[in-house]
C-alpha atoms as a PDB file:
ATOM      1  CA  UNK A   1      63.386  78.735 117.923  1.00  0.00           C
ATOM      2  CA  UNK A   2      64.695  76.937 115.248  1.00  0.00           C
ATOM      3  CA  UNK A   3      67.410  74.210 115.582  1.00  0.00           C
ATOM      4  CA  UNK A   4      69.988  73.697 112.809  1.00  0.00           C
ATOM      5  CA  UNK A   5      71.640  70.334 112.541  1.00  0.00           C
ATOM      6  CA  UNK A   6      75.370  71.174 111.554  1.00  0.00           C
ATOM      7  CA  UNK A   7      76.585  67.506 111.907  1.00  0.00           C
ATOM      8  CA  UNK A   8      76.795  67.062 107.925  1.00  0.00           C
ATOM      9  CA  UNK A   9      79.352  69.992 107.651  1.00  0.00           C
ATOM     10  CA  UNK A  10      81.467  68.274 110.347  1.00  0.00           C
ATOM     11  CA  UNK A  11      82.142  65.536 107.854  1.00  0.00           C
ATOM     12  CA  UNK A  12      83.046  67.596 104.809  1.00  0.00           C
ATOM     13  CA  UNK A  13      85.190  70.040 106.402  1.00  0.00           C
ATOM     14  CA  UNK A  14      88.572  70.118 108.348  1.00  0.00           C
ATOM     15  CA  UNK A  15      89.757  72.384 111.175  1.00  0.00           C
ATOM     16  CA  UNK A  16      86.230  74.089 111.347  1.00  0.00           C
ATOM     17  CA  UNK A  17      85.061  72.235 114.478  1.00  0.00           C
ATOM     18  CA  UNK A  18      85.420  75.185 116.719  1.00  0.00           C
ATOM     19  CA  UNK A  19      83.522  77.459 114.406  1.00  0.00           C
ATOM     20  CA  UNK A  20      80.478  75.154 114.311  1.00  0.00           C
ATOM     21  CA  UNK A  21      80.661  74.554 118.007  1.00  0.00           C
ATOM     22  CA  UNK A  22      80.556  78.459 118.232  1.00  0.00           C
ATOM     23  CA  UNK A  23      77.541  78.298 115.719  1.00  0.00           C
ATOM     24  CA  UNK A  24      75.832  75.466 117.907  1.00  0.00           C
ATOM     25  CA  UNK A  25      76.232  77.417 121.054  1.00  0.00           C
ATOM     26  CA  UNK A  26      74.734  80.892 119.572  1.00  0.00           C
ATOM     27  CA  UNK A  27      71.810  78.952 118.091  1.00  0.00           C
ATOM     28  CA  UNK A  28      70.851  78.183 121.700  1.00  0.00           C
ATOM     29  CA  UNK A  29      71.232  81.547 123.265  1.00  0.00           C
ATOM     30  CA  UNK A  30      69.074  83.560 120.951  1.00  0.00           C
ATOM     31  CA  UNK A  31      66.295  83.862 123.438  1.00  0.00           C
ATOM     32  CA  UNK A  32      68.723  85.101 126.121  1.00  0.00           C
ATOM     33  CA  UNK A  33      70.425  87.534 124.057  1.00  0.00           C
ATOM     34  CA  UNK A  34      70.638  91.086 125.315  1.00  0.00           C
ATOM     35  CA  UNK A  35      69.941  94.014 122.950  1.00  0.00           C
ATOM     36  CA  UNK A  36      71.528  96.751 125.050  1.00  0.00           C
ATOM     37  CA  UNK A  37      73.554  98.632 124.164  1.00  0.00           C
ATOM     38  CA  UNK A  38      72.961  98.417 120.311  1.00  0.00           C
ATOM     39  CA  UNK A  39      75.957  98.062 118.298  1.00  0.00           C
ATOM     40  CA  UNK A  40      77.405  97.860 114.587  1.00  0.00           C
ATOM     41  CA  UNK A  41      80.318  96.031 113.240  1.00  0.00           C
ATOM     42  CA  UNK A  42      81.763  97.350 110.049  1.00  0.00           C
ATOM     43  CA  UNK A  43      84.645  96.515 107.708  1.00  0.00           C
ATOM     44  CA  UNK A  44      87.119  99.315 107.416  1.00  0.00           C
ATOM     45  CA  UNK A  45      89.942  97.419 105.563  1.00  0.00           C
ATOM     46  CA  UNK A  46      90.788  94.017 103.952  1.00  0.00           C
ATOM     47  CA  UNK A  47      91.502  92.836 107.637  1.00  0.00           C
ATOM     48  CA  UNK A  48      90.501  95.951 109.519  1.00  0.00           C
ATOM     49  CA  UNK A  49      87.163  96.069 111.582  1.00  0.00           C
ATOM     50  CA  UNK A  50      85.097  98.698 113.784  1.00  0.00           C
ATOM     51  CA  UNK A  51      82.913  98.042 116.479  1.00  0.00           C
ATOM     52  CA  UNK A  52      80.672 100.753 117.437  1.00  0.00           C
ATOM     53  CA  UNK A  53      78.614 100.920 120.434  1.00  0.00           C
ATOM     54  CA  UNK A  54      75.966 103.437 121.377  1.00  0.00           C
ATOM     55  CA  UNK A  55      76.965 104.430 125.075  1.00  0.00           C
ATOM     56  CA  UNK A  56      74.892 107.582 125.315  1.00  0.00           C
ATOM     57  CA  UNK A  57      75.424 109.157 128.645  1.00  0.00           C
ATOM     58  CA  UNK A  58      78.434 107.068 129.756  1.00  0.00           C
ATOM     59  CA  UNK A  59      81.833 108.847 130.058  1.00  0.00           C
ATOM     60  CA  UNK A  60      85.198 107.522 129.513  1.00  0.00           C
ATOM     61  CA  UNK A  61      85.781 106.683 133.382  1.00  0.00           C
ATOM     62  CA  UNK A  62      82.524 104.566 133.428  1.00  0.00           C
ATOM     63  CA  UNK A  63      83.671 102.331 130.587  1.00  0.00           C
ATOM     64  CA  UNK A  64      85.760  99.358 130.514  1.00  0.00           C
ATOM     65  CA  UNK A  65      87.215  97.371 127.562  1.00  0.00           C
ATOM     66  CA  UNK A  66      89.165  94.013 128.102  1.00  0.00           C
ATOM     67  CA  UNK A  67      90.397  91.531 125.540  1.00  0.00           C
ATOM     68  CA  UNK A  68      91.233  88.193 126.715  1.00  0.00           C
ATOM     69  CA  UNK A  69      92.339  85.124 124.565  1.00  0.00           C
ATOM     70  CA  UNK A  70      89.428  85.117 121.752  1.00  0.00           C
ATOM     71  CA  UNK A  71      86.901  87.160 123.994  1.00  0.00           C
ATOM     72  CA  UNK A  72      86.340  91.008 123.810  1.00  0.00           C
ATOM     73  CA  UNK A  73      84.186  92.368 126.779  1.00  0.00           C
ATOM     74  CA  UNK A  74      82.927  95.741 126.862  1.00  0.00           C
ATOM     75  CA  UNK A  75      81.381  96.963 130.539  1.00  0.00           C
ATOM     76  CA  UNK A  76      79.429 100.253 131.315  1.00  0.00           C
ATOM     77  CA  UNK A  77      78.772 101.214 134.922  1.00  0.00           C
ATOM     78  CA  UNK A  78      77.137 104.560 135.705  1.00  0.00           C
ATOM     79  CA  UNK A  79      78.628 106.294 138.654  1.00  0.00           C
ATOM     80  CA  UNK A  80      75.861 107.274 141.264  1.00  0.00           C
ATOM     81  CA  UNK A  81      75.419 110.921 141.088  1.00  0.00           C
ATOM     82  CA  UNK A  82      74.316 112.806 144.026  1.00  0.00           C
ATOM     83  CA  UNK A  83      70.875 114.324 143.419  1.00  0.00           C
ATOM     84  CA  UNK A  84      70.561 117.937 144.624  1.00  0.00           C
ATOM     85  CA  UNK A  85      67.476 118.852 146.557  1.00  0.00           C
ATOM     86  CA  UNK A  86      66.434 121.558 144.115  1.00  0.00           C
ATOM     87  CA  UNK A  87      66.301 119.176 141.165  1.00  0.00           C
ATOM     88  CA  UNK A  88      63.654 116.233 140.703  1.00  0.00           C
ATOM     89  CA  UNK A  89      63.586 113.839 137.724  1.00  0.00           C
ATOM     90  CA  UNK A  90      60.075 113.960 136.104  1.00  0.00           C
ATOM     91  CA  UNK A  91      60.763 111.522 133.599  1.00  0.00           C
ATOM     92  CA  UNK A  92      64.220 109.504 132.612  1.00  0.00           C
ATOM     93  CA  UNK A  93      64.069 108.369 129.189  1.00  0.00           C
ATOM     94  CA  UNK A  94      67.992 107.939 128.885  1.00  0.00           C
ATOM     95  CA  UNK A  95      69.032 104.523 130.063  1.00  0.00           C
ATOM     96  CA  UNK A  96      71.635 104.810 132.607  1.00  0.00           C
ATOM     97  CA  UNK A  97      71.571 100.869 133.636  1.00  0.00           C
ATOM     98  CA  UNK A  98      74.774  98.983 133.799  1.00  0.00           C
ATOM     99  CA  UNK A  99      75.755  96.601 130.903  1.00  0.00           C
ATOM    100  CA  UNK A 100      78.096  93.985 129.806  1.00  0.00           C
ATOM    101  CA  UNK A 101      78.780  93.174 126.363  1.00  0.00           C
ATOM    102  CA  UNK A 102      80.814  90.228 124.905  1.00  0.00           C
ATOM    103  CA  UNK A 103      82.110  89.576 121.687  1.00  0.00           C
ATOM    104  CA  UNK A 104      83.931  86.256 120.397  1.00  0.00           C
ATOM    105  CA  UNK A 105      87.158  87.335 118.324  1.00  0.00           C
ATOM    106  CA  UNK A 106      88.155  85.218 115.810  1.00  0.00           C
ATOM    107  CA  UNK A 107      91.814  83.621 115.724  1.00  0.00           C
ATOM    108  CA  UNK A 108      94.372  86.313 115.540  1.00  0.00           C
ATOM    109  CA  UNK A 109      92.152  89.340 115.766  1.00  0.00           C
ATOM    110  CA  UNK A 110      93.794  92.179 118.031  1.00  0.00           C
ATOM    111  CA  UNK A 111      92.120  95.348 119.541  1.00  0.00           C
ATOM    112  CA  UNK A 112      94.321  98.321 118.126  1.00  0.00           C
ATOM    113  CA  UNK A 113      92.283 101.127 119.826  1.00  0.00           C
ATOM    114  CA  UNK A 114      89.189 102.713 121.307  1.00  0.00           C
ATOM    115  CA  UNK A 115      87.861 106.226 121.235  1.00  0.00           C
ATOM    116  CA  UNK A 116      84.582 107.635 122.760  1.00  0.00           C
ATOM    117  CA  UNK A 117      82.888 110.502 120.496  1.00  0.00           C
ATOM    118  CA  UNK A 118      79.341 111.952 120.444  1.00  0.00           C
ATOM    119  CA  UNK A 119      78.065 109.069 122.596  1.00  0.00           C
ATOM    120  CA  UNK A 120      79.786 106.362 120.275  1.00  0.00           C
ATOM    121  CA  UNK A 121      82.357 104.040 121.603  1.00  0.00           C
ATOM    122  CA  UNK A 122      84.388 102.882 118.505  1.00  0.00           C
ATOM    123  CA  UNK A 123      86.889  99.664 119.148  1.00  0.00           C
ATOM    124  CA  UNK A 124      89.145  99.048 116.041  1.00  0.00           C
ATOM    125  CA  UNK A 125      89.973  95.547 115.459  1.00  0.00           C
ATOM    126  CA  UNK A 126      92.813  94.195 112.769  1.00  0.00           C
ATOM    127  CA  UNK A 127      93.269  90.598 111.980  1.00  0.00           C
ATOM    128  CA  UNK A 128      96.891  89.935 111.735  1.00  0.00           C
ATOM    129  CA  UNK A 129      97.779  86.427 110.472  1.00  0.00           C
ATOM    130  CA  UNK A 130     101.253  84.941 111.312  1.00  0.00           C
ATOM    131  CA  UNK A 131     103.411  84.369 108.192  1.00  0.00           C
ATOM    132  CA  UNK A 132     103.481  80.743 109.062  1.00  0.00           C
ATOM    133  CA  UNK A 133      99.698  80.401 108.662  1.00  0.00           C
ATOM    134  CA  UNK A 134      99.252  82.650 105.656  1.00  0.00           C
ATOM    135  CA  UNK A 135      98.454  80.878 102.422  1.00  0.00           C
ATOM    136  CA  UNK A 136     101.104  79.708  99.986  1.00  0.00           C
ATOM    137  CA  UNK A 137     101.482  78.320  96.876  1.00  0.00           C
ATOM    138  CA  UNK A 138     102.505  74.443  96.318  1.00  0.00           C
ATOM    139  CA  UNK A 139     104.509  73.776  93.245  1.00  0.00           C
ATOM    140  CA  UNK A 140     103.395  70.576  91.319  1.00  0.00           C
ATOM    141  CA  UNK A 141     106.325  68.750  90.238  1.00  0.00           C
ATOM    142  CA  UNK A 142     106.531  66.152  87.380  1.00  0.00           C
ATOM    143  CA  UNK A 143     106.720  62.315  88.482  1.00  0.00           C
ATOM    144  CA  UNK A 144     104.395  62.334  91.458  1.00  0.00           C
ATOM    145  CA  UNK A 145     105.393  62.380  95.016  1.00  0.00           C
ATOM    146  CA  UNK A 146     108.992  61.257  96.382  1.00  0.00           C
ATOM    147  CA  UNK A 147     109.779  58.817  98.753  1.00  0.00           C
ATOM    148  CA  UNK A 148     111.556  60.061 101.863  1.00  0.00           C
ATOM    149  CA  UNK A 149     114.741  58.544 102.198  1.00  0.00           C
ATOM    150  CA  UNK A 150     116.143  57.300 105.602  1.00  0.00           C
ATOM    151  CA  UNK A 151     119.374  59.070 106.731  1.00  0.00           C
ATOM    152  CA  UNK A 152     122.409  56.666 106.172  1.00  0.00           C
ATOM    153  CA  UNK A 153     124.275  55.270 109.156  1.00  0.00           C
ATOM    154  CA  UNK A 154     127.789  56.342 109.205  1.00  0.00           C
END
């Protein structure tokens, strides 16, 4: 496993310390990463995303989605089915094991909906940046910065 030193980037960036901390954590968890269930992340618009998990064999009542702070947790647990005496499982290739998948969401990303179709769980996400944090143009004035005047006493 390779280790990346991100400390030079800390010196040349402002406000990205949380991002680099997440990258440091992710680098240490590669070996422990779980590959079940497989998933896709796609961009569906400028600020819209879709997370798709392959959850074949799971019903809506066996899945749960929770969004808390900047984390999205998707859990699946198969309900135990009562085996009939007439049926005997000869081979079981469809995974029916429980899972828990966590995704770290960026700031201002909200879950807008979820649907299950054809064994795929689609979770729609949108990033809504507050007006106060959107980029704005700063006018360049002549004469340089102006000193701030102290309020005059009455």
